[in-house]
Amino acid sequence: LSNIDSLRTLATAHVYVLPSVDEPFPMTLLEALSVGTPSVCTN
């Protein structure tokens, strides 16, 4: 997806899941939070 379409897709999801490891500062996770999509990440 393009950056704009990514944000729209995050806004229509009910849960966003990012299982990646050693992710310094994931922007998709911040974007999901900003549109109120409950999110799951790793420690």
Full PDB file with SEQRES, HELIX, SHEET, SSBOND, CRYST1, ORIGX, SCALE, CONECT and MASTER records, all heavy atoms in Angstrom:
SEQRES   1 A   43  LEU SER ASN ILE ASP SER LEU ARG THR LEU ALA THR ALA          
SEQRES   2 A   43  HIS VAL TYR VAL LEU PRO SER VAL ASP GLU PRO PHE PRO          
SEQRES   3 A   43  MET THR LEU LEU GLU ALA LEU SER VAL GLY THR PRO SER          
SEQRES   4 A   43  VAL CYS THR ASN                                              
HELIX    1 AA1 ASN A    3  THR A   12  1                                  10    
HELIX    2 AA2 MET A   27  SER A   34  1                                   8    
SHEET    1 AA1 2 TYR A  16  VAL A  17  0                                        
SHEET    2 AA1 2 SER A  39  VAL A  40  1                                        
CRYST1    1.000    1.000    1.000  90.00  90.00  90.00 P 1           1          
ORIGX1      1.000000  0.000000  0.000000        0.00000                         
ORIGX2      0.000000  1.000000  0.000000        0.00000                         
ORIGX3      0.000000  0.000000  1.000000        0.00000                         
SCALE1      1.000000  0.000000  0.000000        0.00000                         
SCALE2      0.000000  1.000000  0.000000        0.00000                         
SCALE3      0.000000  0.000000  1.000000        0.00000                         
ATOM      1  N   LEU A   1       0.830  -1.194   0.000  1.00  0.00           N  
ATOM      2  CA  LEU A   1       0.000   0.000   0.000  1.00  0.00           C  
ATOM      3  C   LEU A   1       0.865   1.245   0.000  1.00  0.00           C  
ATOM      4  O   LEU A   1       1.985   1.250   0.530  1.00  0.00           O  
ATOM      5  CB  LEU A   1      -0.898   0.034   1.253  1.00  0.00           C  
ATOM      6  CG  LEU A   1      -1.964  -1.058   1.392  1.00  0.00           C  
ATOM      7  CD1 LEU A   1      -2.622  -0.933   2.756  1.00  0.00           C  
ATOM      8  CD2 LEU A   1      -2.995  -0.954   0.289  1.00  0.00           C  
ATOM      9  N   SER A   2       0.345   2.319  -0.575  1.00  0.00           N  
ATOM     10  CA  SER A   2       0.990   3.623  -0.452  1.00  0.00           C  
ATOM     11  C   SER A   2       0.834   4.124   0.979  1.00  0.00           C  
ATOM     12  O   SER A   2       0.047   3.585   1.772  1.00  0.00           O  
ATOM     13  CB  SER A   2       0.354   4.630  -1.411  1.00  0.00           C  
ATOM     14  OG  SER A   2      -0.975   4.917  -1.003  1.00  0.00           O  
ATOM     15  N   ASN A   3       1.575   5.176   1.331  1.00  0.00           N  
ATOM     16  CA  ASN A   3       1.495   5.718   2.690  1.00  0.00           C  
ATOM     17  C   ASN A   3       0.084   6.174   3.031  1.00  0.00           C  
ATOM     18  O   ASN A   3      -0.421   5.927   4.135  1.00  0.00           O  
ATOM     19  CB  ASN A   3       2.473   6.881   2.849  1.00  0.00           C  
ATOM     20  CG  ASN A   3       3.915   6.427   2.845  1.00  0.00           C  
ATOM     21  OD1 ASN A   3       4.201   5.285   3.192  1.00  0.00           O  
ATOM     22  ND2 ASN A   3       4.824   7.283   2.439  1.00  0.00           N  
ATOM     23  N   ILE A   4      -0.588   6.842   2.093  1.00  0.00           N  
ATOM     24  CA  ILE A   4      -1.939   7.339   2.345  1.00  0.00           C  
ATOM     25  C   ILE A   4      -2.910   6.172   2.513  1.00  0.00           C  
ATOM     26  O   ILE A   4      -3.735   6.143   3.436  1.00  0.00           O  
ATOM     27  CB  ILE A   4      -2.389   8.272   1.207  1.00  0.00           C  
ATOM     28  CG1 ILE A   4      -1.564   9.557   1.226  1.00  0.00           C  
ATOM     29  CG2 ILE A   4      -3.874   8.593   1.323  1.00  0.00           C  
ATOM     30  CD1 ILE A   4      -1.868  10.503   0.087  1.00  0.00           C  
ATOM     31  N   ASP A   5      -2.812   5.178   1.636  1.00  0.00           N  
ATOM     32  CA  ASP A   5      -3.701   4.023   1.738  1.00  0.00           C  
ATOM     33  C   ASP A   5      -3.431   3.213   3.005  1.00  0.00           C  
ATOM     34  O   ASP A   5      -4.345   2.589   3.561  1.00  0.00           O  
ATOM     35  CB  ASP A   5      -3.556   3.133   0.504  1.00  0.00           C  
ATOM     36  CG  ASP A   5      -4.184   3.758  -0.739  1.00  0.00           C  
ATOM     37  OD1 ASP A   5      -5.064   4.628  -0.577  1.00  0.00           O  
ATOM     38  OD2 ASP A   5      -3.783   3.391  -1.854  1.00  0.00           O  
ATOM     39  N   SER A   6      -2.182   3.218   3.470  1.00  0.00           N  
ATOM     40  CA  SER A   6      -1.862   2.511   4.716  1.00  0.00           C  
ATOM     41  C   SER A   6      -2.630   3.102   5.884  1.00  0.00           C  
ATOM     42  O   SER A   6      -3.203   2.370   6.712  1.00  0.00           O  
ATOM     43  CB  SER A   6      -0.357   2.593   4.998  1.00  0.00           C  
ATOM     44  OG  SER A   6       0.380   1.858   4.053  1.00  0.00           O  
ATOM     45  N   LEU A   7      -2.672   4.427   5.971  1.00  0.00           N  
ATOM     46  CA  LEU A   7      -3.374   5.074   7.074  1.00  0.00           C  
ATOM     47  C   LEU A   7      -4.873   4.789   7.003  1.00  0.00           C  
ATOM     48  O   LEU A   7      -5.515   4.521   8.025  1.00  0.00           O  
ATOM     49  CB  LEU A   7      -3.111   6.581   7.047  1.00  0.00           C  
ATOM     50  CG  LEU A   7      -3.536   7.363   8.291  1.00  0.00           C  
ATOM     51  CD1 LEU A   7      -2.848   6.819   9.532  1.00  0.00           C  
ATOM     52  CD2 LEU A   7      -3.247   8.842   8.128  1.00  0.00           C  
ATOM     53  N   ARG A   8      -5.426   4.814   5.804  1.00  0.00           N  
ATOM     54  CA  ARG A   8      -6.849   4.500   5.656  1.00  0.00           C  
ATOM     55  C   ARG A   8      -7.145   3.061   6.071  1.00  0.00           C  
ATOM     56  O   ARG A   8      -8.162   2.774   6.711  1.00  0.00           O  
ATOM     57  CB  ARG A   8      -7.268   4.713   4.197  1.00  0.00           C  
ATOM     58  CG  ARG A   8      -7.255   6.171   3.757  1.00  0.00           C  
ATOM     59  CD  ARG A   8      -7.498   6.270   2.275  1.00  0.00           C  
ATOM     60  NE  ARG A   8      -7.450   7.649   1.802  1.00  0.00           N  
ATOM     61  CZ  ARG A   8      -7.218   8.002   0.546  1.00  0.00           C  
ATOM     62  NH1 ARG A   8      -6.995   7.067  -0.375  1.00  0.00           N  
ATOM     63  NH2 ARG A   8      -7.199   9.282   0.203  1.00  0.00           N  
ATOM     64  N   THR A   9      -6.247   2.154   5.720  1.00  0.00           N  
ATOM     65  CA  THR A   9      -6.442   0.746   6.060  1.00  0.00           C  
ATOM     66  C   THR A   9      -6.329   0.529   7.563  1.00  0.00           C  
ATOM     67  O   THR A   9      -7.100  -0.240   8.151  1.00  0.00           O  
ATOM     68  CB  THR A   9      -5.419  -0.122   5.303  1.00  0.00           C  
ATOM     69  OG1 THR A   9      -5.599   0.074   3.898  1.00  0.00           O  
ATOM     70  CG2 THR A   9      -5.589  -1.596   5.635  1.00  0.00           C  
ATOM     71  N   LEU A  10      -5.376   1.199   8.192  1.00  0.00           N  
ATOM     72  CA  LEU A  10      -5.250   1.100   9.646  1.00  0.00           C  
ATOM     73  C   LEU A  10      -6.518   1.596  10.340  1.00  0.00           C  
ATOM     74  O   LEU A  10      -6.936   1.050  11.352  1.00  0.00           O  
ATOM     75  CB  LEU A  10      -4.043   1.919  10.119  1.00  0.00           C  
ATOM     76  CG  LEU A  10      -2.674   1.319   9.820  1.00  0.00           C  
ATOM     77  CD1 LEU A  10      -1.582   2.370   9.981  1.00  0.00           C  
ATOM     78  CD2 LEU A  10      -2.386   0.129  10.727  1.00  0.00           C  
ATOM     79  N   ALA A  11      -7.125   2.638   9.772  1.00  0.00           N  
ATOM     80  CA  ALA A  11      -8.314   3.226  10.392  1.00  0.00           C  
ATOM     81  C   ALA A  11      -9.543   2.329  10.278  1.00  0.00           C  
ATOM     82  O   ALA A  11     -10.509   2.505  11.039  1.00  0.00           O  
ATOM     83  CB  ALA A  11      -8.604   4.592   9.769  1.00  0.00           C  
ATOM     84  N   THR A  12      -9.537   1.380   9.354  1.00  0.00           N  
ATOM     85  CA  THR A  12     -10.692   0.486   9.198  1.00  0.00           C  
ATOM     86  C   THR A  12     -10.476  -0.862   9.877  1.00  0.00           C  
ATOM     87  O   THR A  12     -11.392  -1.682   9.910  1.00  0.00           O  
ATOM     88  CB  THR A  12     -11.004   0.252   7.707  1.00  0.00           C  
ATOM     89  OG1 THR A  12      -9.873  -0.356   7.065  1.00  0.00           O  
ATOM     90  CG2 THR A  12     -11.332   1.562   7.013  1.00  0.00           C  
ATOM     91  N   ALA A  13      -9.269  -1.090  10.393  1.00  0.00           N  
ATOM     92  CA  ALA A  13      -8.997  -2.347  11.098  1.00  0.00           C  
ATOM     93  C   ALA A  13      -9.559  -2.291  12.513  1.00  0.00           C  
ATOM     94  O   ALA A  13      -9.715  -1.215  13.101  1.00  0.00           O  
ATOM     95  CB  ALA A  13      -7.497  -2.611  11.135  1.00  0.00           C  
ATOM     96  N   HIS A  14      -9.843  -3.461  13.073  1.00  0.00           N  
ATOM     97  CA  HIS A  14     -10.289  -3.537  14.470  1.00  0.00           C  
ATOM     98  C   HIS A  14      -9.133  -3.857  15.417  1.00  0.00           C  
ATOM     99  O   HIS A  14      -9.200  -3.533  16.605  1.00  0.00           O  
ATOM    100  CB  HIS A  14     -11.394  -4.583  14.612  1.00  0.00           C  
ATOM    101  CG  HIS A  14     -12.640  -4.209  13.871  1.00  0.00           C  
ATOM    102  ND1 HIS A  14     -12.992  -4.785  12.670  1.00  0.00           N  
ATOM    103  CD2 HIS A  14     -13.592  -3.286  14.144  1.00  0.00           C  
ATOM    104  CE1 HIS A  14     -14.130  -4.249  12.245  1.00  0.00           C  
ATOM    105  NE2 HIS A  14     -14.507  -3.338  13.105  1.00  0.00           N  
ATOM    106  N   VAL A  15      -8.103  -4.500  14.903  1.00  0.00           N  
ATOM    107  CA  VAL A  15      -6.872  -4.740  15.670  1.00  0.00           C  
ATOM    108  C   VAL A  15      -5.700  -4.677  14.700  1.00  0.00           C  
ATOM    109  O   VAL A  15      -5.774  -5.239  13.594  1.00  0.00           O  
ATOM    110  CB  VAL A  15      -6.869  -6.121  16.372  1.00  0.00           C  
ATOM    111  CG1 VAL A  15      -5.576  -6.296  17.180  1.00  0.00           C  
ATOM    112  CG2 VAL A  15      -8.082  -6.289  17.277  1.00  0.00           C  
ATOM    113  N   TYR A  16      -4.635  -3.993  15.121  1.00  0.00           N  
ATOM    114  CA  TYR A  16      -3.390  -3.989  14.342  1.00  0.00           C  
ATOM    115  C   TYR A  16      -2.354  -4.796  15.113  1.00  0.00           C  
ATOM    116  O   TYR A  16      -2.172  -4.601  16.323  1.00  0.00           O  
ATOM    117  CB  TYR A  16      -2.885  -2.568  14.120  1.00  0.00           C  
ATOM    118  CG  TYR A  16      -1.520  -2.525  13.465  1.00  0.00           C  
ATOM    119  CD1 TYR A  16      -1.323  -3.089  12.211  1.00  0.00           C  
ATOM    120  CD2 TYR A  16      -0.419  -1.957  14.114  1.00  0.00           C  
ATOM    121  CE1 TYR A  16      -0.081  -3.075  11.604  1.00  0.00           C  
ATOM    122  CE2 TYR A  16       0.824  -1.930  13.512  1.00  0.00           C  
ATOM    123  CZ  TYR A  16       0.997  -2.491  12.265  1.00  0.00           C  
ATOM    124  OH  TYR A  16       2.227  -2.486  11.665  1.00  0.00           O  
ATOM    125  N   VAL A  17      -1.667  -5.697  14.402  1.00  0.00           N  
ATOM    126  CA  VAL A  17      -0.692  -6.581  15.045  1.00  0.00           C  
ATOM    127  C   VAL A  17       0.670  -6.396  14.381  1.00  0.00           C  
ATOM    128  O   VAL A  17       0.796  -6.530  13.155  1.00  0.00           O  
ATOM    129  CB  VAL A  17      -1.125  -8.062  14.931  1.00  0.00           C  
ATOM    130  CG1 VAL A  17      -0.127  -8.960  15.660  1.00  0.00           C  
ATOM    131  CG2 VAL A  17      -2.529  -8.249  15.496  1.00  0.00           C  
ATOM    132  N   LEU A  18       1.683  -6.102  15.194  1.00  0.00           N  
ATOM    133  CA  LEU A  18       3.055  -5.965  14.703  1.00  0.00           C  
ATOM    134  C   LEU A  18       3.941  -6.942  15.475  1.00  0.00           C  
ATOM    135  O   LEU A  18       4.420  -6.627  16.562  1.00  0.00           O  
ATOM    136  CB  LEU A  18       3.556  -4.527  14.883  1.00  0.00           C  
ATOM    137  CG  LEU A  18       4.928  -4.220  14.290  1.00  0.00           C  
ATOM    138  CD1 LEU A  18       4.897  -4.323  12.767  1.00  0.00           C  
ATOM    139  CD2 LEU A  18       5.408  -2.839  14.713  1.00  0.00           C  
ATOM    140  N   PRO A  19       4.173  -8.153  14.926  1.00  0.00           N  
ATOM    141  CA  PRO A  19       4.936  -9.171  15.667  1.00  0.00           C  
ATOM    142  C   PRO A  19       6.453  -9.029  15.547  1.00  0.00           C  
ATOM    143  O   PRO A  19       7.179  -9.905  16.002  1.00  0.00           O  
ATOM    144  CB  PRO A  19       4.483 -10.489  15.013  1.00  0.00           C  
ATOM    145  CG  PRO A  19       3.490 -10.133  13.953  1.00  0.00           C  
ATOM    146  CD  PRO A  19       3.658  -8.677  13.665  1.00  0.00           C  
ATOM    147  N   SER A  20       6.937  -7.969  14.917  1.00  0.00           N  
ATOM    148  CA  SER A  20       8.365  -7.862  14.624  1.00  0.00           C  
ATOM    149  C   SER A  20       9.193  -7.700  15.890  1.00  0.00           C  
ATOM    150  O   SER A  20       8.707  -7.255  16.927  1.00  0.00           O  
ATOM    151  CB  SER A  20       8.631  -6.688  13.676  1.00  0.00           C  
ATOM    152  OG  SER A  20       8.187  -5.487  14.255  1.00  0.00           O  
ATOM    153  N   VAL A  21      10.469  -8.057  15.782  1.00  0.00           N  
ATOM    154  CA  VAL A  21      11.396  -7.963  16.909  1.00  0.00           C  
ATOM    155  C   VAL A  21      12.397  -6.843  16.651  1.00  0.00           C  
ATOM    156  O   VAL A  21      12.715  -6.515  15.516  1.00  0.00           O  
ATOM    157  CB  VAL A  21      12.147  -9.293  17.140  1.00  0.00           C  
ATOM    158  CG1 VAL A  21      11.168 -10.370  17.579  1.00  0.00           C  
ATOM    159  CG2 VAL A  21      12.892  -9.733  15.885  1.00  0.00           C  
ATOM    160  N   ASP A  22      12.855  -6.232  17.751  1.00  0.00           N  
ATOM    161  CA  ASP A  22      13.886  -5.184  17.691  1.00  0.00           C  
ATOM    162  C   ASP A  22      13.480  -4.045  16.761  1.00  0.00           C  
ATOM    163  O   ASP A  22      14.300  -3.504  16.026  1.00  0.00           O  
ATOM    164  CB  ASP A  22      15.229  -5.774  17.258  1.00  0.00           C  
ATOM    165  CG  ASP A  22      15.737  -6.829  18.233  1.00  0.00           C  
ATOM    166  OD1 ASP A  22      15.480  -6.677  19.438  1.00  0.00           O  
ATOM    167  OD2 ASP A  22      16.358  -7.806  17.788  1.00  0.00           O  
ATOM    168  N   GLU A  23      12.225  -3.683  16.816  1.00  0.00           N  
ATOM    169  CA  GLU A  23      11.708  -2.565  16.021  1.00  0.00           C  
ATOM    170  C   GLU A  23      11.972  -1.279  16.797  1.00  0.00           C  
ATOM    171  O   GLU A  23      11.421  -1.081  17.880  1.00  0.00           O  
ATOM    172  CB  GLU A  23      10.206  -2.739  15.803  1.00  0.00           C  
ATOM    173  CG  GLU A  23       9.617  -1.839  14.765  1.00  0.00           C  
ATOM    174  CD  GLU A  23       9.893  -2.337  13.353  1.00  0.00           C  
ATOM    175  OE1 GLU A  23       9.678  -3.518  13.075  1.00  0.00           O  
ATOM    176  OE2 GLU A  23      10.345  -1.505  12.552  1.00  0.00           O  
ATOM    177  N   PRO A  24      12.826  -0.365  16.300  1.00  0.00           N  
ATOM    178  CA  PRO A  24      13.211   0.790  17.107  1.00  0.00           C  
ATOM    179  C   PRO A  24      12.039   1.714  17.449  1.00  0.00           C  
ATOM    180  O   PRO A  24      11.813   2.038  18.611  1.00  0.00           O  
ATOM    181  CB  PRO A  24      14.246   1.513  16.234  1.00  0.00           C  
ATOM    182  CG  PRO A  24      14.723   0.507  15.253  1.00  0.00           C  
ATOM    183  CD  PRO A  24      13.572  -0.419  15.028  1.00  0.00           C  
ATOM    184  N   PHE A  25      11.283   2.143  16.428  1.00  0.00           N  
ATOM    185  CA  PHE A  25      10.246   3.147  16.651  1.00  0.00           C  
ATOM    186  C   PHE A  25       9.242   3.043  15.508  1.00  0.00           C  
ATOM    187  O   PHE A  25       9.209   3.873  14.607  1.00  0.00           O  
ATOM    188  CB  PHE A  25      10.868   4.547  16.673  1.00  0.00           C  
ATOM    189  CG  PHE A  25      10.242   5.489  17.659  1.00  0.00           C  
ATOM    190  CD1 PHE A  25      10.902   5.834  18.825  1.00  0.00           C  
ATOM    191  CD2 PHE A  25       9.001   6.043  17.415  1.00  0.00           C  
ATOM    192  CE1 PHE A  25      10.339   6.718  19.725  1.00  0.00           C  
ATOM    193  CE2 PHE A  25       8.424   6.927  18.305  1.00  0.00           C  
ATOM    194  CZ  PHE A  25       9.092   7.271  19.472  1.00  0.00           C  
ATOM    195  N   PRO A  26       8.399   2.013  15.498  1.00  0.00           N  
ATOM    196  CA  PRO A  26       7.570   1.702  14.335  1.00  0.00           C  
ATOM    197  C   PRO A  26       6.495   2.753  14.068  1.00  0.00           C  
ATOM    198  O   PRO A  26       5.597   2.974  14.889  1.00  0.00           O  
ATOM    199  CB  PRO A  26       6.949   0.350  14.690  1.00  0.00           C  
ATOM    200  CG  PRO A  26       6.986   0.313  16.180  1.00  0.00           C  
ATOM    201  CD  PRO A  26       8.200   1.065  16.607  1.00  0.00           C  
ATOM    202  N   MET A  27       6.547   3.369  12.889  1.00  0.00           N  
ATOM    203  CA  MET A  27       5.594   4.407  12.552  1.00  0.00           C  
ATOM    204  C   MET A  27       4.200   3.842  12.306  1.00  0.00           C  
ATOM    205  O   MET A  27       3.199   4.494  12.615  1.00  0.00           O  
ATOM    206  CB  MET A  27       6.072   5.183  11.328  1.00  0.00           C  
ATOM    207  CG  MET A  27       7.267   6.086  11.606  1.00  0.00           C  
ATOM    208  SD  MET A  27       6.958   7.261  12.950  1.00  0.00           S  
ATOM    209  CE  MET A  27       5.605   8.232  12.279  1.00  0.00           C  
ATOM    210  N   THR A  28       4.099   2.626  11.749  1.00  0.00           N  
ATOM    211  CA  THR A  28       2.760   2.063  11.542  1.00  0.00           C  
ATOM    212  C   THR A  28       2.039   1.862  12.866  1.00  0.00           C  
ATOM    213  O   THR A  28       0.812   2.020  12.943  1.00  0.00           O  
ATOM    214  CB  THR A  28       2.830   0.723  10.790  1.00  0.00           C  
ATOM    215  OG1 THR A  28       3.777  -0.142  11.443  1.00  0.00           O  
ATOM    216  CG2 THR A  28       3.215   0.927   9.344  1.00  0.00           C  
ATOM    217  N   LEU A  29       2.790   1.540  13.907  1.00  0.00           N  
ATOM    218  CA  LEU A  29       2.179   1.371  15.224  1.00  0.00           C  
ATOM    219  C   LEU A  29       1.652   2.709  15.736  1.00  0.00           C  
ATOM    220  O   LEU A  29       0.531   2.799  16.258  1.00  0.00           O  
ATOM    221  CB  LEU A  29       3.197   0.776  16.194  1.00  0.00           C  
ATOM    222  CG  LEU A  29       2.725   0.463  17.616  1.00  0.00           C  
ATOM    223  CD1 LEU A  29       1.507  -0.437  17.605  1.00  0.00           C  
ATOM    224  CD2 LEU A  29       3.851  -0.178  18.419  1.00  0.00           C  
ATOM    225  N   LEU A  30       2.435   3.773  15.586  1.00  0.00           N  
ATOM    226  CA  LEU A  30       1.972   5.098  15.999  1.00  0.00           C  
ATOM    227  C   LEU A  30       0.747   5.519  15.190  1.00  0.00           C  
ATOM    228  O   LEU A  30      -0.195   6.116  15.726  1.00  0.00           O  
ATOM    229  CB  LEU A  30       3.082   6.139  15.822  1.00  0.00           C  
ATOM    230  CG  LEU A  30       4.358   5.979  16.636  1.00  0.00           C  
ATOM    231  CD1 LEU A  30       5.193   7.253  16.548  1.00  0.00           C  
ATOM    232  CD2 LEU A  30       4.059   5.642  18.081  1.00  0.00           C  
ATOM    233  N   GLU A  31       0.763   5.218  13.886  1.00  0.00           N  
ATOM    234  CA  GLU A  31      -0.370   5.575  13.039  1.00  0.00           C  
ATOM    235  C   GLU A  31      -1.630   4.826  13.467  1.00  0.00           C  
ATOM    236  O   GLU A  31      -2.731   5.393  13.474  1.00  0.00           O  
ATOM    237  CB  GLU A  31      -0.039   5.293  11.583  1.00  0.00           C  
ATOM    238  CG  GLU A  31       0.979   6.257  11.006  1.00  0.00           C  
ATOM    239  CD  GLU A  31       1.446   5.873   9.615  1.00  0.00           C  
ATOM    240  OE1 GLU A  31       1.397   4.679   9.276  1.00  0.00           O  
ATOM    241  OE2 GLU A  31       1.854   6.773   8.879  1.00  0.00           O  
ATOM    242  N   ALA A  32      -1.477   3.553  13.804  1.00  0.00           N  
ATOM    243  CA  ALA A  32      -2.629   2.777  14.270  1.00  0.00           C  
ATOM    244  C   ALA A  32      -3.206   3.386  15.545  1.00  0.00           C  
ATOM    245  O   ALA A  32      -4.434   3.536  15.689  1.00  0.00           O  
ATOM    246  CB  ALA A  32      -2.229   1.321  14.505  1.00  0.00           C  
ATOM    247  N   LEU A  33      -2.336   3.760  16.477  1.00  0.00           N  
ATOM    248  CA  LEU A  33      -2.803   4.392  17.711  1.00  0.00           C  
ATOM    249  C   LEU A  33      -3.535   5.694  17.411  1.00  0.00           C  
ATOM    250  O   LEU A  33      -4.582   5.995  18.012  1.00  0.00           O  
ATOM    251  CB  LEU A  33      -1.628   4.667  18.649  1.00  0.00           C  
ATOM    252  CG  LEU A  33      -0.796   3.473  19.111  1.00  0.00           C  
ATOM    253  CD1 LEU A  33       0.331   3.935  20.023  1.00  0.00           C  
ATOM    254  CD2 LEU A  33      -1.654   2.431  19.815  1.00  0.00           C  
ATOM    255  N   SER A  34      -3.007   6.471  16.478  1.00  0.00           N  
ATOM    256  CA  SER A  34      -3.568   7.801  16.208  1.00  0.00           C  
ATOM    257  C   SER A  34      -4.992   7.729  15.675  1.00  0.00           C  
ATOM    258  O   SER A  34      -5.758   8.676  15.849  1.00  0.00           O  
ATOM    259  CB  SER A  34      -2.672   8.562  15.225  1.00  0.00           C  
ATOM    260  OG  SER A  34      -2.830   8.081  13.900  1.00  0.00           O  
ATOM    261  N   VAL A  35      -5.337   6.643  14.993  1.00  0.00           N  
ATOM    262  CA  VAL A  35      -6.702   6.497  14.466  1.00  0.00           C  
ATOM    263  C   VAL A  35      -7.566   5.620  15.366  1.00  0.00           C  
ATOM    264  O   VAL A  35      -8.663   5.203  14.985  1.00  0.00           O  
ATOM    265  CB  VAL A  35      -6.687   5.941  13.022  1.00  0.00           C  
ATOM    266  CG1 VAL A  35      -6.040   6.933  12.081  1.00  0.00           C  
ATOM    267  CG2 VAL A  35      -5.977   4.588  12.948  1.00  0.00           C  
ATOM    268  N   GLY A  36      -7.064   5.333  16.568  1.00  0.00           N  
ATOM    269  CA  GLY A  36      -7.858   4.620  17.550  1.00  0.00           C  
ATOM    270  C   GLY A  36      -7.991   3.134  17.311  1.00  0.00           C  
ATOM    271  O   GLY A  36      -8.955   2.514  17.786  1.00  0.00           O  
ATOM    272  N   THR A  37      -7.036   2.549  16.602  1.00  0.00           N  
ATOM    273  CA  THR A  37      -7.087   1.096  16.364  1.00  0.00           C  
ATOM    274  C   THR A  37      -6.294   0.376  17.451  1.00  0.00           C  
ATOM    275  O   THR A  37      -5.075   0.574  17.564  1.00  0.00           O  
ATOM    276  CB  THR A  37      -6.515   0.752  14.987  1.00  0.00           C  
ATOM    277  OG1 THR A  37      -7.314   1.379  13.976  1.00  0.00           O  
ATOM    278  CG2 THR A  37      -6.504  -0.741  14.753  1.00  0.00           C  
ATOM    279  N   PRO A  38      -6.935  -0.435  18.274  1.00  0.00           N  
ATOM    280  CA  PRO A  38      -6.208  -1.192  19.302  1.00  0.00           C  
ATOM    281  C   PRO A  38      -5.083  -2.010  18.663  1.00  0.00           C  
ATOM    282  O   PRO A  38      -5.266  -2.607  17.590  1.00  0.00           O  
ATOM    283  CB  PRO A  38      -7.287  -2.098  19.898  1.00  0.00           C  
ATOM    284  CG  PRO A  38      -8.563  -1.359  19.654  1.00  0.00           C  
ATOM    285  CD  PRO A  38      -8.383  -0.700  18.316  1.00  0.00           C  
ATOM    286  N   SER A  39      -3.929  -2.040  19.320  1.00  0.00           N  
ATOM    287  CA  SER A  39      -2.734  -2.612  18.698  1.00  0.00           C  
ATOM    288  C   SER A  39      -2.017  -3.569  19.630  1.00  0.00           C  
ATOM    289  O   SER A  39      -2.090  -3.451  20.852  1.00  0.00           O  
ATOM    290  CB  SER A  39      -1.783  -1.491  18.276  1.00  0.00           C  
ATOM    291  OG  SER A  39      -2.412  -0.630  17.337  1.00  0.00           O  
ATOM    292  N   VAL A  40      -1.283  -4.503  18.995  1.00  0.00           N  
ATOM    293  CA  VAL A  40      -0.498  -5.502  19.703  1.00  0.00           C  
ATOM    294  C   VAL A  40       0.917  -5.457  19.155  1.00  0.00           C  
ATOM    295  O   VAL A  40       1.112  -5.444  17.939  1.00  0.00           O  
ATOM    296  CB  VAL A  40      -1.090  -6.917  19.497  1.00  0.00           C  
ATOM    297  CG1 VAL A  40      -0.278  -7.957  20.271  1.00  0.00           C  
ATOM    298  CG2 VAL A  40      -2.556  -6.958  19.903  1.00  0.00           C  
ATOM    299  N   CYS A  41       1.919  -5.421  20.040  1.00  0.00           N  
ATOM    300  CA  CYS A  41       3.315  -5.434  19.601  1.00  0.00           C  
ATOM    301  C   CYS A  41       4.115  -6.364  20.507  1.00  0.00           C  
ATOM    302  O   CYS A  41       3.562  -6.990  21.420  1.00  0.00           O  
ATOM    303  CB  CYS A  41       3.903  -4.021  19.606  1.00  0.00           C  
ATOM    304  SG  CYS A  41       4.075  -3.285  21.254  1.00  0.00           S  
ATOM    305  N   THR A  42       5.424  -6.432  20.278  1.00  0.00           N  
ATOM    306  CA  THR A  42       6.289  -7.301  21.080  1.00  0.00           C  
ATOM    307  C   THR A  42       7.096  -6.469  22.071  1.00  0.00           C  
ATOM    308  O   THR A  42       7.279  -5.264  21.902  1.00  0.00           O  
ATOM    309  CB  THR A  42       7.263  -8.105  20.200  1.00  0.00           C  
ATOM    310  OG1 THR A  42       8.224  -7.209  19.635  1.00  0.00           O  
ATOM    311  CG2 THR A  42       6.513  -8.812  19.076  1.00  0.00           C  
ATOM    312  N   ASN A  43       7.600  -7.153  23.099  1.00  0.00           N  
ATOM    313  CA  ASN A  43       8.335  -6.441  24.146  1.00  0.00           C  
ATOM    314  C   ASN A  43       9.723  -5.992  23.718  1.00  0.00           C  
ATOM    315  O   ASN A  43      10.405  -5.294  24.469  1.00  0.00           O  
ATOM    316  CB  ASN A  43       8.420  -7.280  25.426  1.00  0.00           C  
ATOM    317  CG  ASN A  43       8.927  -8.688  25.161  1.00  0.00           C  
ATOM    318  OD1 ASN A  43       9.572  -8.962  24.149  1.00  0.00           O  
ATOM    319  ND2 ASN A  43       8.620  -9.605  26.068  1.00  0.00           N  
TER     320      ASN A  43                                                      
MASTER        0    0    0    2    2    0    0    6  319    1    0    4          
END                                                                             
